[in-house]
Amino acid sequence: MVNLVPLATFRRLAAEGNYTRTAEALHLTQPAVTQHVRGLEAHFGVKLVDIVGRRAVLTDAGRFLAARAETVLGSAAALERDMLEYADARSGTLRLGATLTIGAYDVPALIAAFRASHPGISLEVTIENTERIIDLVRLGDRALALVEGRVPADEELEVTPYGDDELAVIVAPTHPLAGQIDVAPEAFRELPFVAREPGSGTRDAFETAFRDAGVEPSVALAFPSGEGVVRAVEAGIGAAVLSTRVVADALQLGRVVHVPVRGLALHRPFHLVRLRRTTPSPAARAFAALVTRGPRPAA
């Protein structure tokens, strides 16, 4: 493969038409310029330059190479610029994953903050439940993921806590427990729940909290979105446990009411997840630093 340094020397010689001026322009000795040209002639097996008087005159092969050299060296220079921008997190594409609650309430503000400092980075975001997002990270499809709740123990995954979330038990205003202020978990033993789908971090946190309190929750209906769960609760189908950020508007409007339940562990961590065996891109490192260095954006 041709060496780009002699090729750049030859391009300058083609422009100058003189070995001495070429050497001065490139801060080389004249013998070094001659050596570069002869090396190219030996590499390609053709004569590139004739000396006519004091001038370096290109042969037909030399003119052909000079024209192609402009394209090759221009592409190399563009590649150099692109890689420098990539290394400085000024260009490239970052593929992110997020669970539904984080995707709806945190990711927009995080992306806005990231784009303010890295406007040249394109972002592709997939929003799914926790189980699916973790699978995408394992497959290498997502460079980083923001997930809520527990992350299965896996040596392939690097898991970094970066915040937490509070959950709330909600019921319809007409529910038998509505308005009570010190409810035991056992009060829900025979009552139906509406929940997120299996594989959801919210579903896992809700079921774990009640099981730890000695109650096996009975799920009558599952929805793939928090808003669907809220509407089912509002319709009187059952109680639910959701993030306070998901139910804030419904509580304020009186569509549902909060039931304080004694002794339930209704906090869950938020995690930043990546695949250990991969080298994070500069953009991924910059986004991870944004997520972990300060408080989460407000809901």
Protein backbone atom coordinates (compact mmCIF):
# COMPACT_ATOMS: atom_id res chain seq x y z
CA MET A 1 0.00 0.00 0.00
CA VAL A 2 1.29 3.43 -0.90
CA ASN A 3 2.73 5.57 1.90
CA LEU A 4 0.84 8.86 2.26
CA VAL A 5 3.91 10.92 3.21
CA PRO A 6 5.74 10.46 -0.13
CA LEU A 7 2.41 10.91 -1.88
CA ALA A 8 1.94 14.29 -0.18
CA THR A 9 5.50 15.25 -1.21
CA PHE A 10 4.78 14.29 -4.80
CA ARG A 11 1.56 16.30 -4.83
CA ARG A 12 3.50 19.38 -3.72
CA LEU A 13 6.18 18.75 -6.36
CA ALA A 14 3.47 18.54 -9.00
CA ALA A 15 2.22 21.96 -7.89
CA GLU A 16 5.65 23.62 -7.57
CA GLY A 17 7.38 22.03 -10.59
CA ASN A 18 10.69 22.38 -8.73
CA TYR A 19 12.51 20.17 -6.22
CA THR A 20 14.11 23.05 -4.33
CA ARG A 21 10.87 24.97 -3.79
CA THR A 22 9.10 21.74 -2.81
CA ALA A 23 11.78 20.98 -0.22
CA GLU A 24 11.52 24.51 1.22
CA ALA A 25 7.73 24.39 1.36
CA LEU A 26 7.71 21.04 3.18
CA HIS A 27 10.75 21.78 5.35
CA LEU A 28 12.63 18.85 3.83
CA THR A 29 16.00 18.49 2.19
CA GLN A 30 16.09 18.24 -1.59
CA PRO A 31 17.54 14.69 -1.41
CA ALA A 32 14.58 13.70 0.79
CA VAL A 33 12.14 14.97 -1.84
CA THR A 34 14.04 13.03 -4.51
CA GLN A 35 13.96 9.91 -2.36
CA HIS A 36 10.19 10.20 -1.89
CA VAL A 37 9.63 10.48 -5.65
CA ARG A 38 11.94 7.61 -6.47
CA GLY A 39 10.24 5.49 -3.84
CA LEU A 40 6.88 6.08 -5.53
CA GLU A 41 8.36 5.28 -8.94
CA ALA A 42 9.75 2.02 -7.57
CA HIS A 43 6.45 1.19 -5.84
CA PHE A 44 4.33 1.73 -8.97
CA GLY A 45 6.95 0.64 -11.50
CA VAL A 46 6.56 3.76 -13.68
CA LYS A 47 8.47 6.99 -14.32
CA LEU A 48 6.66 9.91 -12.69
CA VAL A 49 8.93 12.94 -13.27
CA ASP A 50 11.28 14.08 -16.04
CA ILE A 51 13.78 16.89 -15.54
CA VAL A 52 13.55 19.43 -18.38
CA GLY A 53 16.09 22.20 -17.87
CA ARG A 54 15.61 23.11 -14.20
CA ARG A 55 11.97 22.12 -14.11
CA ALA A 56 10.37 18.91 -12.84
CA VAL A 57 7.91 17.92 -15.57
CA LEU A 58 5.34 15.22 -14.84
CA THR A 59 5.05 12.27 -17.16
CA ASP A 60 1.61 11.01 -18.16
CA ALA A 61 1.81 8.58 -15.24
CA GLY A 62 2.84 11.46 -12.97
CA ARG A 63 -0.12 13.59 -14.03
CA PHE A 64 -2.47 10.65 -13.43
CA LEU A 65 -1.00 10.06 -9.96
CA ALA A 66 -1.09 13.77 -9.07
CA ALA A 67 -4.82 13.91 -9.87
CA ARG A 68 -5.55 10.79 -7.82
CA ALA A 69 -3.33 12.02 -4.99
CA GLU A 70 -5.60 15.05 -4.52
CA THR A 71 -8.56 12.72 -3.92
CA VAL A 72 -6.68 10.27 -1.69
CA LEU A 73 -5.00 12.92 0.46
CA GLY A 74 -8.21 14.92 0.69
CA SER A 75 -10.02 11.83 1.97
CA ALA A 76 -7.20 11.13 4.43
CA ALA A 77 -7.41 14.69 5.75
CA ALA A 78 -11.17 14.39 6.12
CA LEU A 79 -10.71 11.11 7.98
CA GLU A 80 -8.19 12.77 10.28
CA ARG A 81 -10.67 15.56 11.07
CA ASP A 82 -13.51 13.09 11.60
CA MET A 83 -11.51 10.92 13.98
CA LEU A 84 -10.32 13.92 15.97
CA GLU A 85 -13.92 15.08 16.31
CA TYR A 86 -14.99 11.55 17.27
CA ALA A 87 -12.23 11.34 19.90
CA ASP A 88 -13.36 14.69 21.32
CA ALA A 89 -17.02 13.51 21.39
CA ARG A 90 -17.89 16.08 18.73
CA SER A 91 -19.26 13.61 16.17
CA GLY A 92 -20.63 10.10 15.90
CA THR A 93 -23.76 8.28 17.02
CA LEU A 94 -24.63 7.21 20.56
CA ARG A 95 -27.14 4.37 20.96
CA LEU A 96 -28.96 4.54 24.29
CA GLY A 97 -31.59 2.44 26.01
CA ALA A 98 -33.96 3.46 28.78
CA THR A 99 -36.79 1.90 30.72
CA LEU A 100 -40.23 3.41 30.35
CA THR A 101 -40.37 5.58 33.47
CA ILE A 102 -36.87 6.95 32.99
CA GLY A 103 -37.44 7.29 29.24
CA ALA A 104 -40.56 9.37 29.73
CA TYR A 105 -39.47 11.54 32.66
CA ASP A 106 -35.65 11.81 32.70
CA VAL A 107 -34.28 11.09 29.24
CA PRO A 108 -35.65 14.21 27.46
CA ALA A 109 -33.89 16.54 29.94
CA LEU A 110 -30.69 14.46 29.83
CA ILE A 111 -30.63 14.54 26.04
CA ALA A 112 -31.23 18.30 26.00
CA ALA A 113 -28.31 18.82 28.41
CA PHE A 114 -26.05 16.48 26.42
CA ARG A 115 -26.87 18.08 23.08
CA ALA A 116 -26.12 21.52 24.50
CA SER A 117 -22.49 20.48 25.03
CA HIS A 118 -22.18 17.89 22.22
CA PRO A 119 -24.35 19.16 19.35
CA GLY A 120 -22.55 17.04 16.74
CA ILE A 121 -23.49 13.72 18.36
CA SER A 122 -26.54 11.89 16.97
CA LEU A 123 -28.57 10.01 19.58
CA GLU A 124 -30.68 6.90 19.02
CA VAL A 125 -32.85 5.97 22.00
CA THR A 126 -34.80 2.76 22.53
CA ILE A 127 -37.38 2.75 25.33
CA GLU A 128 -38.52 -0.67 26.60
CA ASN A 129 -39.09 -2.44 29.89
CA THR A 130 -36.13 -3.36 32.07
CA GLU A 131 -35.81 -6.96 30.88
CA ARG A 132 -35.76 -6.01 27.21
CA ILE A 133 -33.31 -3.11 27.70
CA ILE A 134 -30.88 -5.32 29.62
CA ASP A 135 -31.06 -7.88 26.77
CA LEU A 136 -30.18 -5.15 24.24
CA VAL A 137 -27.14 -4.14 26.31
CA ARG A 138 -25.97 -7.77 26.51
CA LEU A 139 -26.29 -8.07 22.72
CA GLY A 140 -24.20 -4.93 22.24
CA ASP A 141 -27.12 -3.15 20.57
CA ARG A 142 -27.10 -0.29 23.12
CA ALA A 143 -23.91 1.34 24.40
CA LEU A 144 -25.55 2.55 27.62
CA ALA A 145 -28.86 1.95 29.34
CA LEU A 146 -30.71 3.74 32.12
CA VAL A 147 -32.83 1.30 34.08
CA GLU A 148 -34.89 1.32 37.25
CA GLY A 149 -35.00 -1.33 39.93
CA ARG A 150 -32.87 -4.42 40.30
CA VAL A 151 -30.43 -5.49 37.60
CA PRO A 152 -29.82 -9.26 37.40
CA ALA A 153 -26.35 -10.26 38.62
CA ASP A 154 -24.19 -10.67 35.53
CA GLU A 155 -20.40 -10.45 35.32
CA GLU A 156 -20.73 -9.11 31.77
CA LEU A 157 -22.56 -6.01 32.96
CA GLU A 158 -21.10 -2.92 34.62
CA VAL A 159 -23.85 -1.44 36.79
CA THR A 160 -23.52 2.03 38.33
CA PRO A 161 -26.19 3.50 40.65
CA TYR A 162 -27.03 7.11 39.83
CA GLY A 163 -30.25 7.96 41.65
CA ASP A 164 -33.45 6.56 43.07
CA ASP A 165 -37.20 6.72 42.71
CA GLU A 166 -40.16 6.65 45.08
CA LEU A 167 -43.19 4.48 44.42
CA ALA A 168 -46.74 5.08 45.64
CA VAL A 169 -49.74 2.83 46.21
CA ILE A 170 -52.76 4.32 44.44
CA VAL A 171 -56.46 3.45 44.33
CA ALA A 172 -59.61 4.96 42.85
CA PRO A 173 -61.43 7.53 45.02
CA THR A 174 -64.23 4.96 45.45
CA HIS A 175 -61.89 2.15 46.57
CA PRO A 176 -62.55 0.71 50.09
CA LEU A 177 -59.09 1.82 51.26
CA ALA A 178 -59.31 5.35 49.82
CA GLY A 179 -58.83 7.99 52.52
CA GLN A 180 -57.21 5.66 55.05
CA ILE A 181 -53.88 6.89 56.39
CA ASP A 182 -52.19 3.91 58.10
CA VAL A 183 -52.91 0.80 56.09
CA ALA A 184 -51.18 -2.52 56.77
CA PRO A 185 -49.93 -4.52 53.77
CA GLU A 186 -52.26 -7.35 54.83
CA ALA A 187 -55.24 -5.16 53.90
CA PHE A 188 -54.40 -5.83 50.24
CA ARG A 189 -54.21 -9.61 50.61
CA GLU A 190 -57.57 -10.32 48.97
CA LEU A 191 -57.72 -7.22 46.75
CA PRO A 192 -56.86 -7.11 43.03
CA PHE A 193 -53.98 -5.09 41.59
CA VAL A 194 -53.37 -3.52 38.22
CA ALA A 195 -49.71 -3.69 37.25
CA ARG A 196 -47.15 -3.15 34.53
CA GLU A 197 -46.25 -6.13 32.34
CA PRO A 198 -43.83 -8.89 33.48
CA GLY A 199 -40.24 -7.79 32.88
CA SER A 200 -40.97 -4.24 34.00
CA GLY A 201 -38.79 -2.77 36.74
CA THR A 202 -41.89 -1.18 38.27
CA ARG A 203 -43.67 -4.55 38.34
CA ASP A 204 -40.65 -6.19 39.96
CA ALA A 205 -40.35 -3.48 42.63
CA PHE A 206 -44.07 -3.62 43.44
CA GLU A 207 -44.19 -7.41 43.78
CA THR A 208 -40.95 -7.53 45.78
CA ALA A 209 -42.17 -4.89 48.24
CA PHE A 210 -45.40 -6.75 48.99
CA ARG A 211 -43.77 -10.18 49.14
CA ASP A 212 -41.17 -8.86 51.57
CA ALA A 213 -44.13 -7.69 53.68
CA GLY A 214 -45.65 -11.19 53.60
CA VAL A 215 -48.34 -10.53 50.98
CA GLU A 216 -48.54 -12.23 47.59
CA PRO A 217 -50.17 -9.61 45.34
CA SER A 218 -52.97 -10.71 43.05
CA VAL A 219 -52.60 -9.05 39.62
CA ALA A 220 -55.93 -8.85 37.84
CA LEU A 221 -54.73 -6.86 34.83
CA ALA A 222 -51.41 -5.80 33.31
CA PHE A 223 -50.60 -2.86 31.02
CA PRO A 224 -47.40 -1.97 29.12
CA SER A 225 -47.55 1.67 30.22
CA GLY A 226 -47.90 3.60 33.44
CA GLU A 227 -50.74 5.71 32.06
CA GLY A 228 -52.67 2.57 31.15
CA VAL A 229 -52.30 1.34 34.72
CA VAL A 230 -53.48 4.71 36.10
CA ARG A 231 -56.59 4.66 33.92
CA ALA A 232 -57.40 1.10 34.99
CA VAL A 233 -57.08 2.12 38.64
CA GLU A 234 -59.27 5.15 37.98
CA ALA A 235 -61.90 2.80 36.51
CA GLY A 236 -61.94 0.83 39.74
CA ILE A 237 -60.28 -2.37 38.53
CA GLY A 238 -57.80 -2.48 41.41
CA ALA A 239 -54.96 -0.84 43.30
CA ALA A 240 -51.53 -0.21 41.77
CA VAL A 241 -47.96 0.70 42.69
CA LEU A 242 -46.28 3.21 40.37
CA SER A 243 -43.57 5.85 40.41
CA THR A 244 -44.68 9.07 42.06
CA ARG A 245 -43.58 10.92 38.94
CA VAL A 246 -45.97 8.80 36.84
CA VAL A 247 -48.98 9.39 39.10
CA ALA A 248 -48.33 13.02 40.06
CA ASP A 249 -50.83 14.56 37.62
CA ALA A 250 -53.54 11.96 38.33
CA LEU A 251 -53.18 12.58 42.07
CA GLN A 252 -53.33 16.33 41.64
CA LEU A 253 -56.49 16.04 39.52
CA GLY A 254 -58.12 13.66 42.00
CA ARG A 255 -58.42 10.85 39.46
CA VAL A 256 -56.72 8.52 41.96
CA VAL A 257 -55.69 8.80 45.60
CA HIS A 258 -52.56 7.77 47.47
CA VAL A 259 -52.80 5.12 50.18
CA PRO A 260 -49.92 5.20 52.73
CA VAL A 261 -49.00 1.58 53.46
CA ARG A 262 -47.10 0.75 56.63
CA GLY A 263 -43.70 -0.90 56.31
CA LEU A 264 -43.47 -1.21 52.53
CA ALA A 265 -40.05 -0.56 50.95
CA LEU A 266 -41.21 1.69 48.14
CA HIS A 267 -37.91 3.11 46.95
CA ARG A 268 -35.92 1.69 44.06
CA PRO A 269 -32.52 2.58 42.60
CA PHE A 270 -31.80 3.87 39.13
CA HIS A 271 -28.78 2.35 37.36
CA LEU A 272 -26.53 3.11 34.43
CA VAL A 273 -25.68 -0.17 32.67
CA ARG A 274 -23.05 -1.03 30.04
CA LEU A 275 -21.31 -4.13 28.71
CA ARG A 276 -17.93 -4.63 30.38
CA ARG A 277 -16.15 -6.20 27.40
CA THR A 278 -16.75 -3.21 25.13
CA THR A 279 -14.69 -0.03 25.01
CA PRO A 280 -17.02 2.95 25.53
CA SER A 281 -16.85 5.62 22.87
CA PRO A 282 -15.91 9.18 23.89
CA ALA A 283 -19.58 10.11 23.46
CA ALA A 284 -20.67 7.26 25.75
CA ARG A 285 -18.16 8.33 28.39
CA ALA A 286 -19.40 11.91 28.17
CA PHE A 287 -23.05 10.87 28.51
CA ALA A 288 -22.25 8.58 31.46
CA ALA A 289 -20.44 11.45 33.18
CA LEU A 290 -23.48 13.69 32.66
CA VAL A 291 -25.78 11.08 34.22
CA THR A 292 -23.63 10.23 37.23
CA ARG A 293 -22.02 13.53 38.19
CA GLY A 294 -25.07 15.33 39.55
CA PRO A 295 -28.70 15.04 40.63
CA ARG A 296 -31.22 13.64 38.21
CA PRO A 297 -33.35 16.11 36.24
CA ALA A 298 -36.59 16.98 37.98
CA ALA A 299 -39.68 15.14 36.84
